[in-house]
Structures are given as C-alpha cells and as structure tokens.
PDB file of N, CA and C in Angstrom:
ATOM      1  N   MET A   1     259.280  92.150 400.174  1.00  0.00           N
ATOM      2  CA  MET A   1     258.796  93.736 400.312  1.00  0.00           C
ATOM      3  C   MET A   1     258.464  94.102 398.767  1.00  0.00           C
ATOM      4  N   ASP A   2     257.273  94.803 398.751  1.00  0.00           N
ATOM      5  CA  ASP A   2     256.804  95.319 397.386  1.00  0.00           C
ATOM      6  C   ASP A   2     256.753  96.659 397.254  1.00  0.00           C
ATOM      7  N   MET A   3     257.457  97.357 396.460  1.00  0.00           N
ATOM      8  CA  MET A   3     257.556  98.863 396.399  1.00  0.00           C
ATOM      9  C   MET A   3     256.399  99.341 395.494  1.00  0.00           C
ATOM     10  N   GLN A   4     255.787 100.338 396.014  1.00  0.00           N
ATOM     11  CA  GLN A   4     254.766 101.110 395.065  1.00  0.00           C
ATOM     12  C   GLN A   4     254.932 102.509 395.054  1.00  0.00           C
ATOM     13  N   GLN A   5     254.629 103.168 393.896  1.00  0.00           N
ATOM     14  CA  GLN A   5     254.853 104.520 393.835  1.00  0.00           C
ATOM     15  C   GLN A   5     253.575 105.219 394.385  1.00  0.00           C
ATOM     16  N   ALA A   6     253.873 106.203 395.227  1.00  0.00           N
ATOM     17  CA  ALA A   6     252.787 107.052 395.847  1.00  0.00           C
ATOM     18  C   ALA A   6     252.824 108.367 395.166  1.00  0.00           C
ATOM     19  N   PRO A   7     251.718 108.817 394.458  1.00  0.00           N
ATOM     20  CA  PRO A   7     251.642 110.036 393.746  1.00  0.00           C
ATOM     21  C   PRO A   7     251.677 111.194 394.689  1.00  0.00           C
ATOM     22  N   ALA A   8     251.487 110.937 396.135  1.00  0.00           N
ATOM     23  CA  ALA A   8     251.224 112.021 396.931  1.00  0.00           C
ATOM     24  C   ALA A   8     251.410 111.401 398.376  1.00  0.00           C
ATOM     25  N   MET A   9     251.835 112.215 399.271  1.00  0.00           N
ATOM     26  CA  MET A   9     251.932 111.847 400.738  1.00  0.00           C
ATOM     27  C   MET A   9     251.491 112.791 401.623  1.00  0.00           C
ATOM     28  N   GLU A  10     250.502 112.467 402.425  1.00  0.00           N
ATOM     29  CA  GLU A  10     249.779 113.454 403.466  1.00  0.00           C
ATOM     30  C   GLU A  10     250.768 113.673 404.640  1.00  0.00           C
ATOM     31  N   ILE A  11     251.059 114.959 404.926  1.00  0.00           N
ATOM     32  CA  ILE A  11     251.682 115.302 406.183  1.00  0.00           C
ATOM     33  C   ILE A  11     250.919 116.257 406.701  1.00  0.00           C
ATOM     34  N   PRO A  12     250.359 115.968 408.042  1.00  0.00           N
ATOM     35  CA  PRO A  12     249.656 116.847 408.797  1.00  0.00           C
ATOM     36  C   PRO A  12     250.558 118.038 409.254  1.00  0.00           C
ATOM     37  N   ALA A  13     249.614 119.139 409.489  1.00  0.00           N
ATOM     38  CA  ALA A  13     250.220 120.453 409.937  1.00  0.00           C
ATOM     39  C   ALA A  13     251.062 120.127 411.135  1.00  0.00           C
ATOM     40  N   HIS A  14     252.363 120.570 411.027  1.00  0.00           N
ATOM     41  CA  HIS A  14     253.359 120.614 412.043  1.00  0.00           C
ATOM     42  C   HIS A  14     253.915 119.105 412.406  1.00  0.00           C
ATOM     43  N   GLY A  15     253.649 118.238 411.294  1.00  0.00           N
ATOM     44  CA  GLY A  15     253.872 116.887 411.382  1.00  0.00           C
ATOM     45  C   GLY A  15     255.137 116.631 410.528  1.00  0.00           C
ATOM     46  N   GLU A  16     255.692 115.415 410.573  1.00  0.00           N
ATOM     47  CA  GLU A  16     256.821 115.128 409.846  1.00  0.00           C
ATOM     48  C   GLU A  16     256.707 113.676 409.159  1.00  0.00           C
ATOM     49  N   VAL A  17     257.426 113.485 408.182  1.00  0.00           N
ATOM     50  CA  VAL A  17     257.571 112.154 407.540  1.00  0.00           C
ATOM     51  C   VAL A  17     259.078 111.853 407.419  1.00  0.00           C
ATOM     52  N   ARG A  18     259.580 110.840 407.803  1.00  0.00           N
ATOM     53  CA  ARG A  18     260.864 110.349 407.685  1.00  0.00           C
ATOM     54  C   ARG A  18     261.196 109.531 406.367  1.00  0.00           C
ATOM     55  N   PHE A  19     262.144 109.853 405.740  1.00  0.00           N
ATOM     56  CA  PHE A  19     262.531 108.927 404.557  1.00  0.00           C
ATOM     57  C   PHE A  19     263.745 108.236 404.895  1.00  0.00           C
ATOM     58  N   GLN A  20     263.737 106.908 404.713  1.00  0.00           N
ATOM     59  CA  GLN A  20     264.828 106.095 405.193  1.00  0.00           C
ATOM     60  C   GLN A  20     264.787 104.687 404.433  1.00  0.00           C
ATOM     61  N   PRO A  21     265.928 104.140 404.196  1.00  0.00           N
ATOM     62  CA  PRO A  21     265.914 102.735 403.512  1.00  0.00           C
ATOM     63  C   PRO A  21     265.007 101.861 404.191  1.00  0.00           C
ATOM     64  N   GLY A  22     264.246 100.992 403.446  1.00  0.00           N
ATOM     65  CA  GLY A  22     263.409 100.021 403.983  1.00  0.00           C
ATOM     66  C   GLY A  22     261.963 100.742 404.407  1.00  0.00           C
ATOM     67  N   GLY A  23     261.678 102.024 404.299  1.00  0.00           N
ATOM     68  CA  GLY A  23     260.594 102.672 404.780  1.00  0.00           C
ATOM     69  C   GLY A  23     260.242 103.582 403.442  1.00  0.00           C
ATOM     70  N   ASN A  24     259.814 104.966 403.842  1.00  0.00           N
ATOM     71  CA  ASN A  24     259.445 105.743 402.826  1.00  0.00           C
ATOM     72  C   ASN A  24     260.851 106.252 402.272  1.00  0.00           C
ATOM     73  N   HIS A  25     260.815 106.262 400.943  1.00  0.00           N
ATOM     74  CA  HIS A  25     262.105 106.853 400.273  1.00  0.00           C
ATOM     75  C   HIS A  25     261.724 107.518 399.177  1.00  0.00           C
ATOM     76  N   VAL A  26     262.781 108.390 398.524  1.00  0.00           N
ATOM     77  CA  VAL A  26     262.602 108.872 397.203  1.00  0.00           C
ATOM     78  C   VAL A  26     263.625 108.195 396.423  1.00  0.00           C
ATOM     79  N   MET A  27     263.152 107.644 395.168  1.00  0.00           N
ATOM     80  CA  MET A  27     264.017 107.030 394.254  1.00  0.00           C
ATOM     81  C   MET A  27     264.341 108.032 393.051  1.00  0.00           C
ATOM     82  N   LEU A  28     265.634 108.205 392.800  1.00  0.00           N
ATOM     83  CA  LEU A  28     266.113 109.138 391.744  1.00  0.00           C
ATOM     84  C   LEU A  28     266.538 108.257 390.727  1.00  0.00           C
ATOM     85  N   SER A  29     266.255 109.023 389.501  1.00  0.00           N
ATOM     86  CA  SER A  29     266.579 108.290 388.250  1.00  0.00           C
ATOM     87  C   SER A  29     267.093 109.205 387.234  1.00  0.00           C
ATOM     88  N   GLY A  30     267.856 108.835 386.318  1.00  0.00           N
ATOM     89  CA  GLY A  30     268.314 109.862 385.147  1.00  0.00           C
ATOM     90  C   GLY A  30     269.381 110.599 385.535  1.00  0.00           C
ATOM     91  N   GLN A  31     270.197 110.211 386.647  1.00  0.00           N
ATOM     92  CA  GLN A  31     271.396 111.152 386.980  1.00  0.00           C
ATOM     93  C   GLN A  31     272.355 111.032 385.829  1.00  0.00           C
ATOM     94  N   ASP A  32     273.093 111.902 385.816  1.00  0.00           N
ATOM     95  CA  ASP A  32     274.126 112.006 384.753  1.00  0.00           C
ATOM     96  C   ASP A  32     275.383 111.129 385.250  1.00  0.00           C
ATOM     97  N   LYS A  33     275.515 110.891 386.525  1.00  0.00           N
ATOM     98  CA  LYS A  33     276.660 110.031 387.034  1.00  0.00           C
ATOM     99  C   LYS A  33     276.218 109.345 388.365  1.00  0.00           C
ATOM    100  N   PRO A  34     276.783 108.275 388.631  1.00  0.00           N
ATOM    101  CA  PRO A  34     276.422 107.526 389.929  1.00  0.00           C
ATOM    102  C   PRO A  34     276.658 108.298 390.996  1.00  0.00           C
ATOM    103  N   LEU A  35     275.832 108.103 392.080  1.00  0.00           N
ATOM    104  CA  LEU A  35     276.124 108.755 393.458  1.00  0.00           C
ATOM    105  C   LEU A  35     277.143 107.970 393.999  1.00  0.00           C
ATOM    106  N   LYS A  36     277.952 108.875 394.911  1.00  0.00           N
ATOM    107  CA  LYS A  36     278.989 108.306 395.598  1.00  0.00           C
ATOM    108  C   LYS A  36     278.847 108.513 397.152  1.00  0.00           C
ATOM    109  N   ALA A  37     279.187 107.682 398.105  1.00  0.00           N
ATOM    110  CA  ALA A  37     278.939 107.938 399.460  1.00  0.00           C
ATOM    111  C   ALA A  37     279.791 109.105 399.881  1.00  0.00           C
ATOM    112  N   GLY A  38     279.229 109.954 400.707  1.00  0.00           N
ATOM    113  CA  GLY A  38     279.896 111.122 401.105  1.00  0.00           C
ATOM    114  C   GLY A  38     279.561 112.392 400.394  1.00  0.00           C
ATOM    115  N   GLU A  39     278.986 112.245 399.225  1.00  0.00           N
ATOM    116  CA  GLU A  39     278.471 113.384 398.487  1.00  0.00           C
ATOM    117  C   GLU A  39     277.292 114.032 399.146  1.00  0.00           C
ATOM    118  N   GLN A  40     277.057 115.270 398.967  1.00  0.00           N
ATOM    119  CA  GLN A  40     275.890 115.982 399.214  1.00  0.00           C
ATOM    120  C   GLN A  40     275.327 116.904 398.074  1.00  0.00           C
ATOM    121  N   PHE A  41     274.021 116.907 398.051  1.00  0.00           N
ATOM    122  CA  PHE A  41     273.442 117.835 397.069  1.00  0.00           C
ATOM    123  C   PHE A  41     272.166 118.233 397.490  1.00  0.00           C
ATOM    124  N   PRO A  42     271.638 119.461 396.810  1.00  0.00           N
ATOM    125  CA  PRO A  42     270.343 119.963 397.252  1.00  0.00           C
ATOM    126  C   PRO A  42     269.150 119.129 396.375  1.00  0.00           C
ATOM    127  N   LEU A  43     267.902 119.039 396.879  1.00  0.00           N
ATOM    128  CA  LEU A  43     266.968 118.421 396.370  1.00  0.00           C
ATOM    129  C   LEU A  43     265.717 119.283 396.783  1.00  0.00           C
ATOM    130  N   THR A  44     264.819 119.585 395.777  1.00  0.00           N
ATOM    131  CA  THR A  44     263.760 120.481 395.977  1.00  0.00           C
ATOM    132  C   THR A  44     262.487 119.553 395.944  1.00  0.00           C
ATOM    133  N   LEU A  45     261.847 119.606 397.179  1.00  0.00           N
ATOM    134  CA  LEU A  45     260.536 118.968 397.408  1.00  0.00           C
ATOM    135  C   LEU A  45     259.319 120.084 397.081  1.00  0.00           C
ATOM    136  N   GLU A  46     258.357 119.669 396.586  1.00  0.00           N
ATOM    137  CA  GLU A  46     257.294 120.606 396.156  1.00  0.00           C
ATOM    138  C   GLU A  46     255.962 120.134 397.043  1.00  0.00           C
ATOM    139  N   PHE A  47     255.511 120.856 397.852  1.00  0.00           N
ATOM    140  CA  PHE A  47     254.341 120.770 398.688  1.00  0.00           C
ATOM    141  C   PHE A  47     253.027 121.530 398.041  1.00  0.00           C
ATOM    142  N   GLU A  48     251.889 120.809 398.241  1.00  0.00           N
ATOM    143  CA  GLU A  48     250.759 121.314 397.821  1.00  0.00           C
ATOM    144  C   GLU A  48     250.412 122.893 398.446  1.00  0.00           C
ATOM    145  N   LYS A  49     250.501 123.051 399.720  1.00  0.00           N
ATOM    146  CA  LYS A  49     250.366 124.266 400.305  1.00  0.00           C
ATOM    147  C   LYS A  49     251.582 125.068 400.678  1.00  0.00           C
ATOM    148  N   ALA A  50     252.761 124.337 400.979  1.00  0.00           N
ATOM    149  CA  ALA A  50     253.943 125.029 401.508  1.00  0.00           C
ATOM    150  C   ALA A  50     254.811 125.514 400.434  1.00  0.00           C
ATOM    151  N   GLY A  51     254.520 124.952 399.153  1.00  0.00           N
ATOM    152  CA  GLY A  51     255.255 125.240 397.984  1.00  0.00           C
ATOM    153  C   GLY A  51     256.672 124.574 397.973  1.00  0.00           C
ATOM    154  N   LYS A  52     257.676 124.920 397.394  1.00  0.00           N
ATOM    155  CA  LYS A  52     258.874 124.389 397.246  1.00  0.00           C
ATOM    156  C   LYS A  52     259.766 124.579 398.493  1.00  0.00           C
ATOM    157  N   VAL A  53     260.498 123.502 398.870  1.00  0.00           N
ATOM    158  CA  VAL A  53     261.307 123.504 399.922  1.00  0.00           C
ATOM    159  C   VAL A  53     262.467 122.733 399.563  1.00  0.00           C
ATOM    160  N   GLU A  54     263.712 123.286 399.713  1.00  0.00           N
ATOM    161  CA  GLU A  54     264.984 122.689 399.390  1.00  0.00           C
ATOM    162  C   GLU A  54     265.525 121.900 400.506  1.00  0.00           C
ATOM    163  N   VAL A  55     265.861 120.772 400.458  1.00  0.00           N
ATOM    164  CA  VAL A  55     266.587 119.948 401.505  1.00  0.00           C
ATOM    165  C   VAL A  55     268.061 119.596 401.010  1.00  0.00           C
ATOM    166  N   GLN A  56     268.865 119.346 402.007  1.00  0.00           N
ATOM    167  CA  GLN A  56     270.252 118.832 401.525  1.00  0.00           C
ATOM    168  C   GLN A  56     270.237 117.401 401.526  1.00  0.00           C
ATOM    169  N   ILE A  57     270.725 116.665 400.821  1.00  0.00           N
ATOM    170  CA  ILE A  57     270.747 115.163 400.735  1.00  0.00           C
ATOM    171  C   ILE A  57     272.196 114.705 400.881  1.00  0.00           C
ATOM    172  N   LYS A  58     272.352 113.803 401.751  1.00  0.00           N
ATOM    173  CA  LYS A  58     273.611 113.200 402.089  1.00  0.00           C
ATOM    174  C   LYS A  58     273.692 111.804 401.558  1.00  0.00           C
ATOM    175  N   VAL A  59     274.611 111.380 400.785  1.00  0.00           N
ATOM    176  CA  VAL A  59     274.596 110.177 400.099  1.00  0.00           C
ATOM    177  C   VAL A  59     275.473 109.039 401.077  1.00  0.00           C
ATOM    178  N   GLU A  60     274.865 107.893 401.534  1.00  0.00           N
ATOM    179  CA  GLU A  60     275.564 107.132 402.508  1.00  0.00           C
ATOM    180  C   GLU A  60     275.841 105.805 401.845  1.00  0.00           C
ATOM    181  N   SER A  61     276.764 105.045 402.063  1.00  0.00           N
ATOM    182  CA  SER A  61     276.830 103.713 401.710  1.00  0.00           C
ATOM    183  C   SER A  61     275.811 102.742 401.925  1.00  0.00           C
ATOM    184  N   ALA A  62     275.270 101.979 401.112  1.00  0.00           N
ATOM    185  CA  ALA A  62     274.144 101.025 401.376  1.00  0.00           C
ATOM    186  C   ALA A  62     274.845 100.062 402.521  1.00  0.00           C
ATOM    187  N   ASP A  63     276.065  99.812 402.417  1.00  0.00           N
ATOM    188  CA  ASP A  63     276.640  98.970 403.544  1.00  0.00           C
ATOM    189  C   ASP A  63     276.521  99.485 404.929  1.00  0.00           C
ATOM    190  N   THR A  64     276.327 100.756 405.093  1.00  0.00           N
ATOM    191  CA  THR A  64     276.265 101.438 406.528  1.00  0.00           C
ATOM    192  C   THR A  64     274.747 101.281 406.900  1.00  0.00           C
ATOM    193  N   GLN A  65     273.754 100.948 406.194  1.00  0.00           N
ATOM    194  CA  GLN A  65     272.282 101.047 406.319  1.00  0.00           C
ATOM    195  C   GLN A  65     272.057  99.698 407.216  1.00  0.00           C
ATOM    196  N   ILE A  66     271.543  99.752 408.423  1.00  0.00           N
ATOM    197  CA  ILE A  66     271.215  98.783 409.140  1.00  0.00           C
ATOM    198  C   ILE A  66     269.702  98.419 408.643  1.00  0.00           C
ATOM    199  N   GLY A  67     269.506  97.027 408.438  1.00  0.00           N
ATOM    200  CA  GLY A  67     268.276  96.562 408.076  1.00  0.00           C
ATOM    201  C   GLY A  67     267.763  96.956 406.672  1.00  0.00           C
ATOM    202  N   HIS A  68     268.813  97.396 405.770  1.00  0.00           N
ATOM    203  CA  HIS A  68     268.517  97.830 404.399  1.00  0.00           C
ATOM    204  C   HIS A  68     268.800  96.735 403.441  1.00  0.00           C
ATOM    205  N   ASN A  69     267.586  95.965 403.307  1.00  0.00           N
ATOM    206  CA  ASN A  69     267.695  94.895 402.316  1.00  0.00           C
ATOM    207  C   ASN A  69     266.926  95.004 401.183  1.00  0.00           C
ATOM    208  N   ALA A  70     265.900  95.795 400.973  1.00  0.00           N
ATOM    209  CA  ALA A  70     265.068  96.050 399.803  1.00  0.00           C
ATOM    210  C   ALA A  70     265.828  96.434 398.554  1.00  0.00           C
ATOM    211  N   HIS A  71     267.010  97.171 398.783  1.00  0.00           N
ATOM    212  CA  HIS A  71     267.678  97.447 397.684  1.00  0.00           C
ATOM    213  C   HIS A  71     269.265  97.235 397.704  1.00  0.00           C
ATOM    214  N   SER A  72     269.520  95.904 398.295  1.00  0.00           N
ATOM    215  CA  SER A  72     270.839  95.443 398.490  1.00  0.00           C
ATOM    216  C   SER A  72     271.677  95.566 397.117  1.00  0.00           C
ATOM    217  N   GLY A  73     271.143  95.553 396.009  1.00  0.00           N
ATOM    218  CA  GLY A  73     272.068  95.779 394.763  1.00  0.00           C
ATOM    219  C   GLY A  73     272.361  97.238 394.541  1.00  0.00           C
ATOM    220  N   HIS A  74     271.622  98.084 395.202  1.00  0.00           N
ATOM    221  CA  HIS A  74     272.121  99.486 394.917  1.00  0.00           C
ATOM    222  C   HIS A  74     273.314  99.931 395.538  1.00  0.00           C
ATOM    223  N   GLN A  75     273.919 100.914 394.972  1.00  0.00           N
ATOM    224  CA  GLN A  75     275.343 101.375 395.520  1.00  0.00           C
ATOM    225  C   GLN A  75     275.215 102.358 396.595  1.00  0.00           C
ATOM    226  N   ALA A  76     274.143 103.147 396.584  1.00  0.00           N
ATOM    227  CA  ALA A  76     274.008 104.223 397.606  1.00  0.00           C
ATOM    228  C   ALA A  76     272.693 104.179 398.193  1.00  0.00           C
ATOM    229  N   ALA A  77     272.502 104.663 399.266  1.00  0.00           N
ATOM    230  CA  ALA A  77     271.095 105.113 399.894  1.00  0.00           C
ATOM    231  C   ALA A  77     271.053 106.463 400.159  1.00  0.00           C
ATOM    232  N   ILE A  78     269.841 107.227 399.827  1.00  0.00           N
ATOM    233  CA  ILE A  78     269.705 108.612 400.010  1.00  0.00           C
ATOM    234  C   ILE A  78     269.022 108.908 401.350  1.00  0.00           C
ATOM    235  N   ASN A  79     269.545 109.858 402.214  1.00  0.00           N
ATOM    236  CA  ASN A  79     268.952 110.235 403.380  1.00  0.00           C
ATOM    237  C   ASN A  79     268.903 111.750 403.383  1.00  0.00           C
ATOM    238  N   GLY A  80     267.748 112.447 403.575  1.00  0.00           N
ATOM    239  CA  GLY A  80     267.649 113.709 403.570  1.00  0.00           C
ATOM    240  C   GLY A  80     268.034 114.217 405.141  1.00  0.00           C
ATOM    241  N   GLY A  81     268.689 115.505 405.244  1.00  0.00           N
ATOM    242  CA  GLY A  81     269.124 115.722 406.452  1.00  0.00           C
ATOM    243  C   GLY A  81     269.226 117.314 406.594  1.00  0.00           C
TER     244      GLY A  81
END
C-alpha cells in the first residue's frame, strides 16, 4: 500500500467521508508528546465553503484496529467521532 498526500478532498453536499486506518486518514506530526490510547482531543478541520469545524478525536490502540497493517509500527490510530 502506497500513501499519498491529498491537498484537498471533495465532499459532496450532505455527503460524508470516513477516516479510518487503512483508508482515508489524517496524519499528525509535531506533537509535544506521544498519543496514548484512551485520550481524546479536539481537532479543527477547515472546509472551503463550510469554514472551520471542530471534531473530537479519540485515540485508539493500533492493536484494536482490524485490518490495520499500513502503519503497524505506529503506537496509536486516530479516529474522529
């Protein structure tokens, strides 16, 4: 599996995009401390027309992710909820 950065993602009106391990996901870098399973934190997404939307992120252990093999060396997977 080859990862590629997408500068933008089109979401149709009233549509949705799911972010999950092995599929579309957000990769975070430059954190002050490692993420730990069970933690939650806000993340602000910015949309071209809808503006800024804050979502709550729940950190889950990569061990609990089914079919999660693209980032098997990472300590945690990020899922918005």
